[in-house]
Amino acid sequence: KKKTISFFLSSYEGKKSMIPISSQFKILNLIKEIAKSNTDYNFIIKPKYSLNYLKNHYDTTNIISFLERDLSNITITDNNSNSLDIISESEIVISTAFSSPTFEAMSLGIKSYYVDILSIFENSHFSNFKYFVSHGYQDSIKYLDYWKYVNEKIYKSEYEKMLKYFNLPKNNNDKIYLFKKELELLNGK
């Protein structure tokens, strides 16, 4: 059975968005290139918006059609799919900066990192952690290569340090609530 890498897309418009709409097309192109060059993996994409919305909005129409039609190792789930189910079946979780699936995966001991495709968060607090926030296209590819081959003991040790630093308990139901509260504080909400 092929291993799975999942991508979680975040919102890209409205007041809860951390990334501009222009990043969506770049992230989808990144996913396309990663899926084409990693045919030994299956990929799950969980969009923030419905698939119909992506097919009929902005410049994502053609790339969504390509992903669905031409890459047999990609599945695009419904935007209402259960994130934890997807995370649980994944070897690596990749999400746009700074959505919660990366921390959810980390707290479950699953390899994960953020993609800052436009390199607009290079000075973020999270960038202080090695291989946790990739900046730009090439960096994202490099980070995936790292996560595919990193020793389990190494990444779990780093995760425990990070969870402790952010005061998030490991494998505790309150961890996501605490993380979201921390993000709200950092964002002044």
Protein backbone atom coordinates (compact mmCIF):
# COMPACT_ATOMS: atom_id res chain seq x y z
CA LYS A 1 0.00 0.00 0.00
CA LYS A 2 1.23 3.48 -0.90
CA LYS A 3 1.87 5.98 1.87
CA THR A 4 -0.24 9.13 1.98
CA ILE A 5 0.68 12.78 2.11
CA SER A 6 -2.16 15.17 2.82
CA PHE A 7 -2.46 18.85 1.97
CA PHE A 8 -4.78 21.14 3.87
CA LEU A 9 -5.69 24.40 2.16
CA SER A 10 -6.69 27.37 4.28
CA SER A 11 -9.04 30.23 3.62
CA TYR A 12 -7.75 32.88 1.26
CA GLU A 13 -10.29 35.63 1.49
CA GLY A 14 -12.27 37.31 4.22
CA LYS A 15 -11.29 38.45 7.67
CA LYS A 16 -10.12 35.04 8.90
CA SER A 17 -7.60 34.65 6.09
CA MET A 18 -3.86 34.75 6.69
CA ILE A 19 -2.85 34.36 3.05
CA PRO A 20 -3.81 36.32 -0.06
CA ILE A 21 -5.88 34.73 -2.80
CA SER A 22 -2.88 34.80 -5.17
CA SER A 23 -1.22 32.08 -3.09
CA GLN A 24 -3.96 29.51 -3.79
CA PHE A 25 -2.92 29.01 -7.41
CA LYS A 26 0.76 28.70 -6.42
CA ILE A 27 -0.02 26.13 -3.75
CA LEU A 28 -2.10 24.06 -6.15
CA ASN A 29 0.77 24.16 -8.66
CA LEU A 30 3.15 23.05 -5.92
CA ILE A 31 0.85 20.12 -5.12
CA LYS A 32 0.69 19.23 -8.82
CA GLU A 33 4.49 19.13 -9.12
CA ILE A 34 4.94 17.19 -5.87
CA ALA A 35 2.32 14.60 -6.91
CA LYS A 36 3.87 14.22 -10.38
CA SER A 37 7.34 13.60 -8.95
CA ASN A 38 6.24 11.35 -6.07
CA THR A 39 4.15 8.69 -7.78
CA ASP A 40 5.01 6.25 -5.01
CA TYR A 41 2.70 8.25 -2.70
CA ASN A 42 -1.02 8.93 -2.65
CA PHE A 43 -2.12 12.49 -1.98
CA ILE A 44 -5.22 13.86 -0.32
CA ILE A 45 -6.15 17.49 -0.73
CA LYS A 46 -8.66 18.93 1.72
CA PRO A 47 -9.79 22.34 0.53
CA LYS A 48 -11.20 24.97 2.85
CA TYR A 49 -13.91 25.74 0.31
CA SER A 50 -16.14 23.45 -1.72
CA LEU A 51 -14.68 21.92 -4.86
CA ASN A 52 -17.32 23.69 -6.95
CA TYR A 53 -16.14 27.00 -5.53
CA LEU A 54 -12.54 26.24 -6.51
CA LYS A 55 -13.61 25.12 -9.97
CA ASN A 56 -15.50 28.34 -10.59
CA HIS A 57 -13.39 30.93 -8.84
CA TYR A 58 -10.28 32.93 -9.61
CA ASP A 59 -7.62 31.10 -11.65
CA THR A 60 -7.90 27.74 -9.89
CA THR A 61 -10.34 26.28 -12.43
CA ASN A 62 -7.75 24.79 -14.81
CA ILE A 63 -5.45 23.43 -12.13
CA ILE A 64 -8.29 21.73 -10.24
CA SER A 65 -9.42 20.09 -13.49
CA PHE A 66 -5.86 18.93 -14.16
CA LEU A 67 -5.44 17.51 -10.64
CA GLU A 68 -8.71 15.58 -10.90
CA ARG A 69 -8.26 14.39 -14.49
CA ASP A 70 -4.53 13.74 -14.95
CA LEU A 71 -3.10 12.63 -11.61
CA SER A 72 -4.39 9.28 -10.42
CA ASN A 73 -2.52 9.54 -7.11
CA ILE A 74 -4.54 12.58 -5.95
CA THR A 75 -7.89 12.63 -4.20
CA ILE A 76 -9.62 15.91 -3.49
CA THR A 77 -11.94 15.48 -0.53
CA ASP A 78 -15.03 17.40 0.32
CA ASN A 79 -14.29 20.52 2.33
CA ASN A 80 -16.47 19.13 5.12
CA SER A 81 -14.43 15.92 5.45
CA ASN A 82 -13.15 15.15 8.93
CA SER A 83 -9.62 16.53 9.21
CA LEU A 84 -8.56 14.10 11.93
CA ASP A 85 -9.54 11.12 9.76
CA ILE A 86 -7.36 12.44 6.95
CA ILE A 87 -4.49 13.23 9.30
CA SER A 88 -4.67 9.75 10.86
CA GLU A 89 -4.15 8.03 7.51
CA SER A 90 -1.27 10.31 6.50
CA GLU A 91 2.46 9.86 6.83
CA ILE A 92 3.02 13.60 6.28
CA VAL A 93 0.61 16.52 6.70
CA ILE A 94 1.29 19.78 4.87
CA SER A 95 -0.88 22.82 5.41
CA THR A 96 -0.85 26.43 4.43
CA ALA A 97 0.48 28.82 7.04
CA PHE A 98 -0.87 28.77 9.77
CA SER A 99 -3.82 26.42 9.77
CA SER A 100 -4.44 24.00 12.61
CA PRO A 101 -3.96 20.61 10.83
CA THR A 102 -0.17 20.93 11.13
CA PHE A 103 -0.37 21.22 14.90
CA GLU A 104 -3.07 18.56 15.08
CA ALA A 105 -0.76 16.17 13.23
CA MET A 106 2.23 17.14 15.34
CA SER A 107 0.33 16.48 18.56
CA LEU A 108 -0.56 13.04 17.20
CA GLY A 109 3.09 12.32 16.34
CA ILE A 110 2.57 12.60 12.58
CA LYS A 111 5.14 14.44 10.47
CA SER A 112 3.91 17.87 9.44
CA TYR A 113 4.95 21.32 8.30
CA TYR A 114 3.57 24.61 7.01
CA VAL A 115 3.94 26.04 3.52
CA ASP A 116 4.39 29.80 3.23
CA ILE A 117 4.35 29.76 -0.57
CA LEU A 118 4.69 33.55 -0.97
CA SER A 119 7.39 33.84 1.73
CA ILE A 120 5.40 36.47 3.57
CA PHE A 121 5.92 34.95 7.03
CA GLU A 122 9.71 34.56 7.00
CA ASN A 123 10.02 36.39 10.30
CA SER A 124 7.22 34.55 12.07
CA HIS A 125 7.81 33.02 15.45
CA PHE A 126 7.20 29.56 13.98
CA SER A 127 10.10 29.98 11.55
CA ASN A 128 12.49 29.62 14.48
CA PHE A 129 11.82 25.88 14.41
CA LYS A 130 13.81 23.91 11.86
CA TYR A 131 11.78 22.36 9.00
CA PHE A 132 8.51 23.63 10.41
CA VAL A 133 7.68 26.50 8.01
CA SER A 134 8.85 26.33 4.41
CA HIS A 135 9.14 29.61 2.51
CA GLY A 136 8.56 29.50 -1.22
CA TYR A 137 8.39 26.78 -3.81
CA GLN A 138 11.89 25.26 -3.62
CA ASP A 139 11.93 25.35 0.17
CA SER A 140 8.63 23.42 0.24
CA ILE A 141 10.11 20.68 -1.96
CA LYS A 142 13.23 20.52 0.20
CA TYR A 143 11.16 20.23 3.38
CA LEU A 144 9.11 17.39 1.93
CA ASP A 145 12.31 15.50 1.12
CA TYR A 146 13.45 16.03 4.70
CA TRP A 147 10.16 14.79 6.21
CA LYS A 148 10.01 11.73 3.97
CA TYR A 149 13.30 10.42 5.35
CA VAL A 150 13.74 11.90 8.84
CA ASN A 151 14.23 9.48 11.71
CA GLU A 152 11.11 9.04 13.87
CA LYS A 153 13.04 9.55 17.10
CA ILE A 154 14.41 12.89 15.86
CA TYR A 155 11.11 14.40 14.77
CA LYS A 156 9.16 13.17 17.80
CA SER A 157 11.79 14.69 20.08
CA GLU A 158 11.53 18.02 18.24
CA TYR A 159 7.74 17.91 18.40
CA GLU A 160 7.78 17.32 22.13
CA LYS A 161 10.04 20.38 22.54
CA MET A 162 7.71 22.48 20.40
CA LEU A 163 4.54 21.33 22.16
CA LYS A 164 6.17 22.09 25.48
CA TYR A 165 7.33 25.51 24.22
CA PHE A 166 3.79 26.38 23.10
CA ASN A 167 2.40 24.92 26.33
CA LEU A 168 0.35 22.36 24.40
CA PRO A 169 -0.14 18.95 25.99
CA LYS A 170 0.75 15.94 23.88
CA ASN A 171 -2.25 13.83 22.79
CA ASN A 172 -4.72 15.77 24.89
CA ASN A 173 -8.15 16.83 23.65
CA ASP A 174 -7.51 20.42 24.76
CA LYS A 175 -4.39 20.90 22.62
CA ILE A 176 -6.15 22.38 19.57
CA TYR A 177 -8.26 24.72 21.67
CA LEU A 178 -5.13 25.95 23.46
CA PHE A 179 -3.26 26.42 20.17
CA LYS A 180 -6.12 28.39 18.61
CA LYS A 181 -6.28 30.60 21.70
CA GLU A 182 -2.52 31.20 21.41
CA LEU A 183 -2.89 32.16 17.74
CA GLU A 184 -5.74 34.53 18.58
CA LEU A 185 -3.55 36.21 21.19
CA LEU A 186 -0.66 36.52 18.74
CA ASN A 187 -3.00 38.00 16.11
CA GLY A 188 -4.56 40.44 18.59
CA LYS A 189 -8.07 38.98 18.42
